[in-house]
Amino acid sequence: MVYKILILGASYGSLLATKFAAAGHYVTLVCREETAALINSEGTEVRIKLKGEEAHRSFFSNNLAGVVNAVTPENASPQDYDLVCLAMQEPQYSHPTISNLLGQIAKSKVPCMSIMNMPPLPYLKRIPNFDTSNLRDAFLDAEIWDQFDPELVTLCSPDPQAFRPPEEKPNVLFVGLPTNFKVSKFRDPSHNLILTTLEADVENYQIDGKDVPVKLRVFDSIFVPFAKWAMLATGNYRCITREGPRSINDAVHSDIDKSKEIYDFVNGVVERLGADPSDMVPFGKYAAAAKNLLKPSSAARAVFAGAANIERVDKVIKLSADELQMSNPTISETIIIVDESLSNNNMS
């Protein structure tokens, strides 16, 4: 079965697009007009290091079994697709052209898989016996998510680390940490069939008889993607300091005991929400991976490049903890630092 997949976001989204197109599927990326024209004329290039090889390999979309093309938000027709993926940063969805497209997606009733770090509000509403009304302040515009049916929204943890090399064209993506995408199931079995088919197709793709990293893994538990929360709170947001940006490695390993305290606290919040401990990633595994993350997080890079808004998973964590009458002073302090940095950007 060949699926048609619409992906909002051509930067990080091009990694998912490459994996699906390599497996033979039809993918359309939604992006700016200039980037769409570039992708439609030259395709995309995603660089991934295979196990046992020293250098990254380039995967060109024009050489894959499937198709990758691109459109602007105004020209996207979500009703023509089998699956929609959200691969932009949460604040970007508040832009009028994107919020209008979100409305079309919600109206189309096409199943929607988010690969944002920020869990969409309709997905959070799938947590049993949890009042999400107090989480709305973490979103730039919570109202745009109200039109979605929670049953049609799932979450995929964007664990692979990737970035656009600044010296390259915007159709190039470099994968620094080729871990797996971890997605929770929908409620509808027919929608889950899409996920499990994509999972198998991505798994079976090889090049020169070699396995290609970055898989799609499908899970029953709705909490598996929340394993990323502890990583974001321990590493990504703590890359933002009053003195400037620091690498994820430095954020985690400059005080490993403090990092473990934060990590365990956040996992405790997720487990109180209903997760099984097996849904979480052990701290030791994360700390080992963080040693290879020698750049500041995308959140830190955005803040120190002057961004007015970034995804605020740190606030989702704190507000969720507040609802459970739990608190952690380091997380609260990190939020204050991020708020100050964004406020300074908005004033400049």
Protein backbone atom coordinates (compact mmCIF):
# COMPACT_ATOMS: atom_id res chain seq x y z
CA MET A 1 0.00 0.00 0.00
CA VAL A 2 1.41 3.38 -1.03
CA TYR A 3 0.32 6.24 1.21
CA LYS A 4 0.10 9.96 0.50
CA ILE A 5 1.56 11.93 3.39
CA LEU A 6 1.46 15.69 3.95
CA ILE A 7 4.23 17.07 6.19
CA LEU A 8 4.06 20.63 7.50
CA GLY A 9 7.67 21.80 7.74
CA ALA A 10 10.51 21.12 5.29
CA SER A 11 13.46 21.36 7.68
CA TYR A 12 13.19 18.60 10.30
CA GLY A 13 10.24 17.25 8.31
CA SER A 14 12.56 16.37 5.42
CA LEU A 15 14.07 13.59 7.56
CA LEU A 16 10.69 11.93 7.98
CA ALA A 17 9.94 12.60 4.31
CA THR A 18 13.16 10.88 3.27
CA LYS A 19 12.41 7.82 5.39
CA PHE A 20 8.88 7.51 3.96
CA ALA A 21 9.95 8.17 0.36
CA ALA A 22 12.79 5.66 0.64
CA ALA A 23 10.11 3.15 1.64
CA GLY A 24 8.15 3.97 -1.52
CA HIS A 25 5.55 6.46 -0.30
CA TYR A 26 4.39 9.82 -1.73
CA VAL A 27 5.29 12.82 0.43
CA THR A 28 4.44 16.51 0.12
CA LEU A 29 6.30 19.05 2.24
CA VAL A 30 4.59 22.35 3.18
CA CYS A 31 7.02 25.26 3.30
CA ARG A 32 7.84 28.78 2.06
CA GLU A 33 7.55 29.53 -1.63
CA GLU A 34 11.32 29.80 -2.19
CA THR A 35 12.04 26.53 -0.39
CA ALA A 36 9.20 24.76 -2.20
CA ALA A 37 10.60 25.89 -5.56
CA LEU A 38 14.07 24.64 -4.58
CA ILE A 39 12.75 21.24 -3.46
CA ASN A 40 10.63 20.84 -6.59
CA SER A 41 13.61 21.62 -8.82
CA GLU A 42 16.45 19.92 -6.96
CA GLY A 43 14.83 17.61 -4.40
CA THR A 44 16.04 17.22 -0.81
CA GLU A 45 19.31 15.90 0.59
CA VAL A 46 19.45 14.25 4.02
CA ARG A 47 22.82 13.15 5.39
CA ILE A 48 22.82 10.13 7.70
CA LYS A 49 25.75 8.12 9.06
CA LEU A 50 25.35 4.36 8.69
CA LYS A 51 26.65 2.04 11.39
CA GLY A 52 30.30 1.19 10.88
CA GLU A 53 30.93 4.02 8.42
CA GLU A 54 33.07 7.08 9.11
CA ALA A 55 31.35 9.59 6.86
CA HIS A 56 27.70 10.55 6.45
CA ARG A 57 25.88 9.32 3.34
CA SER A 58 23.65 11.64 1.35
CA PHE A 59 20.13 10.45 0.59
CA PHE A 60 18.71 12.42 -2.33
CA SER A 61 14.93 12.41 -2.64
CA ASN A 62 15.15 12.26 -6.43
CA ASN A 63 16.90 8.88 -6.15
CA LEU A 64 14.36 7.26 -3.83
CA ALA A 65 11.58 4.83 -4.72
CA GLY A 66 8.87 7.23 -3.58
CA VAL A 67 8.22 10.90 -4.30
CA VAL A 68 9.03 14.09 -2.39
CA ASN A 69 7.58 17.38 -3.58
CA ALA A 70 6.63 20.65 -1.91
CA VAL A 71 3.83 23.23 -1.80
CA THR A 72 3.10 26.47 -0.01
CA PRO A 73 0.49 26.45 2.79
CA GLU A 74 -2.04 28.19 0.53
CA ASN A 75 -1.78 25.40 -2.06
CA ALA A 76 -1.96 22.42 0.30
CA SER A 77 -5.05 20.18 0.14
CA PRO A 78 -5.01 18.01 3.29
CA GLN A 79 -8.17 16.13 2.30
CA ASP A 80 -6.18 14.46 -0.51
CA TYR A 81 -3.82 12.69 1.91
CA ASP A 82 -3.89 9.59 4.11
CA LEU A 83 -1.83 11.10 6.93
CA VAL A 84 -0.78 14.62 7.97
CA CYS A 85 2.43 15.19 9.96
CA LEU A 86 3.15 18.35 11.95
CA ALA A 87 6.89 19.05 11.84
CA MET A 88 7.05 22.80 12.48
CA GLN A 89 7.78 24.52 15.79
CA GLU A 90 4.61 25.19 17.79
CA PRO A 91 4.72 29.02 17.49
CA GLN A 92 4.78 28.76 13.69
CA TYR A 93 1.25 27.38 13.66
CA SER A 94 -0.05 30.75 14.83
CA HIS A 95 0.90 32.38 11.52
CA PRO A 96 -2.35 33.15 9.65
CA THR A 97 -1.57 30.99 6.59
CA ILE A 98 -0.56 28.03 8.76
CA SER A 99 -3.45 28.38 11.21
CA ASN A 100 -5.81 28.45 8.24
CA LEU A 101 -4.24 25.23 6.96
CA LEU A 102 -4.63 23.70 10.44
CA GLY A 103 -8.32 24.47 10.23
CA GLN A 104 -8.53 22.65 6.90
CA ILE A 105 -6.67 19.66 8.39
CA ALA A 106 -9.04 19.48 11.35
CA LYS A 107 -12.06 19.74 9.04
CA SER A 108 -10.70 17.04 6.69
CA LYS A 109 -10.73 14.43 9.50
CA VAL A 110 -7.44 13.04 8.15
CA PRO A 111 -5.40 11.44 10.98
CA CYS A 112 -2.67 13.76 12.20
CA MET A 113 0.72 12.78 13.64
CA SER A 114 2.68 15.51 15.39
CA ILE A 115 6.47 15.31 15.56
CA MET A 116 6.77 18.52 17.54
CA ASN A 117 8.52 18.49 20.88
CA MET A 118 5.45 20.39 22.05
CA PRO A 119 2.51 17.98 22.40
CA PRO A 120 -0.60 19.46 20.73
CA LEU A 121 -3.44 20.22 23.11
CA PRO A 122 -5.81 17.67 21.52
CA TYR A 123 -3.23 14.96 22.17
CA LEU A 124 -2.89 16.03 25.80
CA LYS A 125 -6.66 15.67 26.07
CA ARG A 126 -6.20 11.94 25.47
CA ILE A 127 -4.64 11.60 28.96
CA PRO A 128 -7.33 9.99 31.14
CA ASN A 129 -8.68 12.02 34.06
CA PHE A 130 -6.40 15.00 33.44
CA ASP A 131 -7.60 18.59 33.22
CA THR A 132 -5.70 20.24 30.37
CA SER A 133 -7.35 23.66 30.74
CA ASN A 134 -4.47 24.91 32.89
CA LEU A 135 -1.94 24.00 30.18
CA ARG A 136 -3.27 26.48 27.63
CA ASP A 137 -0.92 29.23 28.82
CA ALA A 138 2.04 27.21 27.52
CA PHE A 139 0.83 27.65 23.93
CA LEU A 140 1.23 30.76 21.83
CA ASP A 141 -2.36 30.41 20.61
CA ALA A 142 -4.24 27.56 22.25
CA GLU A 143 -7.45 28.26 20.35
CA ILE A 144 -6.12 26.99 17.02
CA TRP A 145 -5.98 23.47 18.50
CA ASP A 146 -9.56 23.45 19.76
CA GLN A 147 -10.95 22.46 16.36
CA PHE A 148 -9.18 19.07 16.37
CA ASP A 149 -10.76 15.79 17.44
CA PRO A 150 -8.33 14.26 20.00
CA GLU A 151 -9.08 10.82 18.56
CA LEU A 152 -7.50 11.91 15.27
CA VAL A 153 -4.27 13.27 16.77
CA THR A 154 -1.23 11.31 17.89
CA LEU A 155 2.29 12.24 18.96
CA CYS A 156 5.65 11.08 17.67
CA SER A 157 8.73 11.83 19.75
CA PRO A 158 11.29 13.66 17.58
CA ASP A 159 14.30 11.95 19.14
CA PRO A 160 16.66 12.09 16.12
CA GLN A 161 18.88 15.17 16.30
CA ALA A 162 19.16 17.00 12.96
CA PHE A 163 19.85 20.50 11.68
CA ARG A 164 20.24 22.50 8.50
CA PRO A 165 23.94 23.32 7.96
CA PRO A 166 23.98 27.14 7.81
CA GLU A 167 26.39 27.17 4.87
CA GLU A 168 24.14 24.90 2.78
CA LYS A 169 20.94 25.41 0.80
CA PRO A 170 17.68 24.99 2.79
CA ASN A 171 16.95 21.63 1.15
CA VAL A 172 19.88 19.99 3.02
CA LEU A 173 19.54 18.35 6.44
CA PHE A 174 22.36 16.86 8.54
CA VAL A 175 21.45 14.13 11.06
CA GLY A 176 23.73 14.30 14.09
CA LEU A 177 22.10 11.65 16.27
CA PRO A 178 20.25 8.98 14.23
CA THR A 179 17.89 7.67 16.89
CA ASN A 180 14.31 6.51 16.23
CA PHE A 181 10.97 8.27 15.95
CA LYS A 182 8.61 6.83 18.60
CA VAL A 183 4.91 7.24 17.87
CA SER A 184 1.86 6.33 19.93
CA LYS A 185 -1.12 4.67 18.29
CA PHE A 186 -4.39 6.30 17.37
CA ARG A 187 -7.66 4.89 18.68
CA ASP A 188 -8.92 3.84 15.23
CA PRO A 189 -7.42 0.52 13.97
CA SER A 190 -7.55 1.74 10.37
CA HIS A 191 -5.37 4.70 11.29
CA ASN A 192 -3.00 2.45 13.21
CA LEU A 193 -2.65 0.31 10.10
CA ILE A 194 -1.09 3.34 8.39
CA LEU A 195 1.45 3.66 11.20
CA THR A 196 2.36 -0.02 11.36
CA THR A 197 2.66 -0.23 7.57
CA LEU A 198 5.00 2.75 7.54
CA GLU A 199 6.94 1.22 10.44
CA ALA A 200 7.48 -2.03 8.50
CA ASP A 201 8.31 -0.28 5.24
CA VAL A 202 10.90 1.98 6.88
CA GLU A 203 12.38 -1.02 8.71
CA ASN A 204 12.81 -2.99 5.49
CA TYR A 205 14.60 -0.27 3.53
CA GLN A 206 18.31 -0.91 2.99
CA ILE A 207 21.07 0.60 0.86
CA ASP A 208 23.90 -1.53 -0.50
CA GLY A 209 22.62 -4.31 1.72
CA LYS A 210 23.09 -2.14 4.82
CA ASP A 211 20.55 -1.03 7.40
CA VAL A 212 19.69 2.69 7.44
CA PRO A 213 19.26 4.28 10.89
CA VAL A 214 16.27 6.33 12.05
CA LYS A 215 13.29 4.00 12.26
CA LEU A 216 9.64 4.59 13.05
CA ARG A 217 8.56 2.67 16.16
CA VAL A 218 4.86 2.31 17.04
CA PHE A 219 3.72 1.96 20.68
CA ASP A 220 0.44 1.25 22.43
CA SER A 221 1.08 3.65 25.31
CA ILE A 222 0.18 7.31 24.78
CA PHE A 223 2.97 8.24 27.21
CA VAL A 224 5.98 6.90 25.29
CA PRO A 225 6.61 10.23 23.46
CA PHE A 226 6.61 11.99 26.84
CA ALA A 227 9.93 10.29 27.59
CA LYS A 228 11.37 13.27 25.69
CA TRP A 229 10.14 15.66 28.40
CA ALA A 230 12.89 14.72 30.85
CA MET A 231 15.50 15.16 28.12
CA LEU A 232 14.20 18.59 27.18
CA ALA A 233 14.05 19.79 30.79
CA THR A 234 17.47 18.38 31.68
CA GLY A 235 19.35 19.34 28.55
CA ASN A 236 17.65 21.43 25.86
CA TYR A 237 16.16 24.27 27.92
CA ARG A 238 19.15 24.42 30.25
CA CYS A 239 21.28 25.31 27.21
CA ILE A 240 19.72 28.77 27.67
CA THR A 241 21.65 30.64 30.36
CA ARG A 242 21.95 34.29 31.32
CA GLU A 243 25.57 34.17 30.12
CA GLY A 244 24.67 32.81 26.69
CA PRO A 245 24.11 29.45 24.99
CA ARG A 246 25.86 26.24 25.97
CA SER A 247 25.87 22.75 24.48
CA ILE A 248 23.50 20.00 25.59
CA ASN A 249 26.58 18.09 26.75
CA ASP A 250 27.58 20.96 29.04
CA ALA A 251 24.04 21.46 30.30
CA VAL A 252 23.82 17.81 31.34
CA HIS A 253 27.37 17.01 32.44
CA SER A 254 28.43 20.22 34.17
CA ASP A 255 26.46 18.98 37.20
CA ILE A 256 25.46 15.37 36.63
CA ASP A 257 23.76 14.98 40.02
CA LYS A 258 21.56 18.02 39.41
CA SER A 259 20.75 16.71 35.95
CA LYS A 260 19.68 13.34 37.31
CA GLU A 261 17.49 15.07 39.89
CA ILE A 262 15.68 17.04 37.17
CA TYR A 263 15.40 14.02 34.90
CA ASP A 264 13.95 11.80 37.62
CA PHE A 265 11.49 14.51 38.67
CA VAL A 266 10.09 14.93 35.17
CA ASN A 267 9.79 11.18 34.67
CA GLY A 268 7.96 11.12 37.99
CA VAL A 269 5.47 13.68 36.67
CA VAL A 270 4.84 11.59 33.55
CA GLU A 271 4.38 8.45 35.63
CA ARG A 272 1.88 10.27 37.84
CA LEU A 273 -0.02 11.13 34.65
CA GLY A 274 -0.31 7.42 33.95
CA ALA A 275 2.89 6.23 32.29
CA ASP A 276 4.49 2.93 33.08
CA PRO A 277 8.18 3.23 34.09
CA SER A 278 9.01 1.10 31.04
CA ASP A 279 7.71 3.95 28.84
CA MET A 280 10.58 6.13 30.04
CA VAL A 281 14.24 6.23 28.96
CA PRO A 282 16.77 5.56 31.77
CA PHE A 283 18.87 8.56 32.77
CA GLY A 284 22.14 6.73 32.10
CA LYS A 285 21.19 6.11 28.49
CA TYR A 286 20.28 9.76 27.98
CA ALA A 287 23.42 11.02 29.73
CA ALA A 288 25.59 8.85 27.49
CA ALA A 289 23.85 10.18 24.36
CA ALA A 290 24.20 13.77 25.62
CA LYS A 291 28.00 13.45 25.51
CA ASN A 292 27.72 13.48 21.72
CA LEU A 293 25.46 16.56 21.62
CA LEU A 294 28.15 19.21 21.37
CA LYS A 295 25.97 22.04 20.06
CA PRO A 296 23.34 24.15 21.86
CA SER A 297 19.78 22.91 21.48
CA SER A 298 17.58 24.29 18.72
CA ALA A 299 15.66 26.19 21.41
CA ALA A 300 18.85 27.88 22.61
CA ARG A 301 19.99 28.65 19.08
CA ALA A 302 16.62 30.23 18.35
CA VAL A 303 16.63 32.33 21.52
CA PHE A 304 20.13 33.69 20.96
CA ALA A 305 19.33 34.35 17.30
CA GLY A 306 16.60 36.72 18.50
CA ALA A 307 13.45 34.57 18.32
CA ALA A 308 10.37 36.15 19.89
CA ASN A 309 8.78 32.78 20.69
CA ILE A 310 9.87 29.16 20.99
CA GLU A 311 8.13 25.92 21.96
CA ARG A 312 7.52 25.92 25.72
CA VAL A 313 7.53 22.28 26.74
CA ASP A 314 9.23 23.51 29.92
CA LYS A 315 5.97 25.28 30.77
CA VAL A 316 3.87 22.23 29.88
CA ILE A 317 5.98 20.20 32.32
CA LYS A 318 5.66 22.77 35.12
CA LEU A 319 1.92 23.30 34.63
CA SER A 320 1.36 19.54 34.55
CA ALA A 321 3.39 19.21 37.74
CA ASP A 322 1.38 22.05 39.32
CA GLU A 323 -1.82 20.15 38.52
CA LEU A 324 -0.36 17.16 40.38
CA GLN A 325 0.91 19.38 43.26
CA MET A 326 4.53 18.63 42.39
CA SER A 327 7.35 21.16 41.93
CA ASN A 328 11.04 21.42 41.13
CA PRO A 329 12.96 24.67 41.78
CA THR A 330 15.47 24.18 38.95
CA ILE A 331 12.72 23.80 36.36
CA SER A 332 11.02 26.92 37.73
CA GLU A 333 14.30 28.84 37.51
CA THR A 334 14.91 27.66 33.95
CA ILE A 335 11.47 28.94 32.94
CA ILE A 336 12.31 32.35 34.43
CA ILE A 337 15.57 32.49 32.44
CA VAL A 338 13.82 31.51 29.20
CA ASP A 339 11.05 34.05 29.85
CA GLU A 340 13.64 36.78 30.44
CA SER A 341 15.53 35.91 27.27
CA LEU A 342 12.37 35.95 25.13
CA SER A 343 11.22 39.18 26.74
CA ASN A 344 14.56 40.82 25.89
CA ASN A 345 14.19 39.63 22.28
CA ASN A 346 10.69 41.09 22.07
CA MET A 347 11.94 44.43 23.37
CA SER A 348 14.88 44.71 21.00
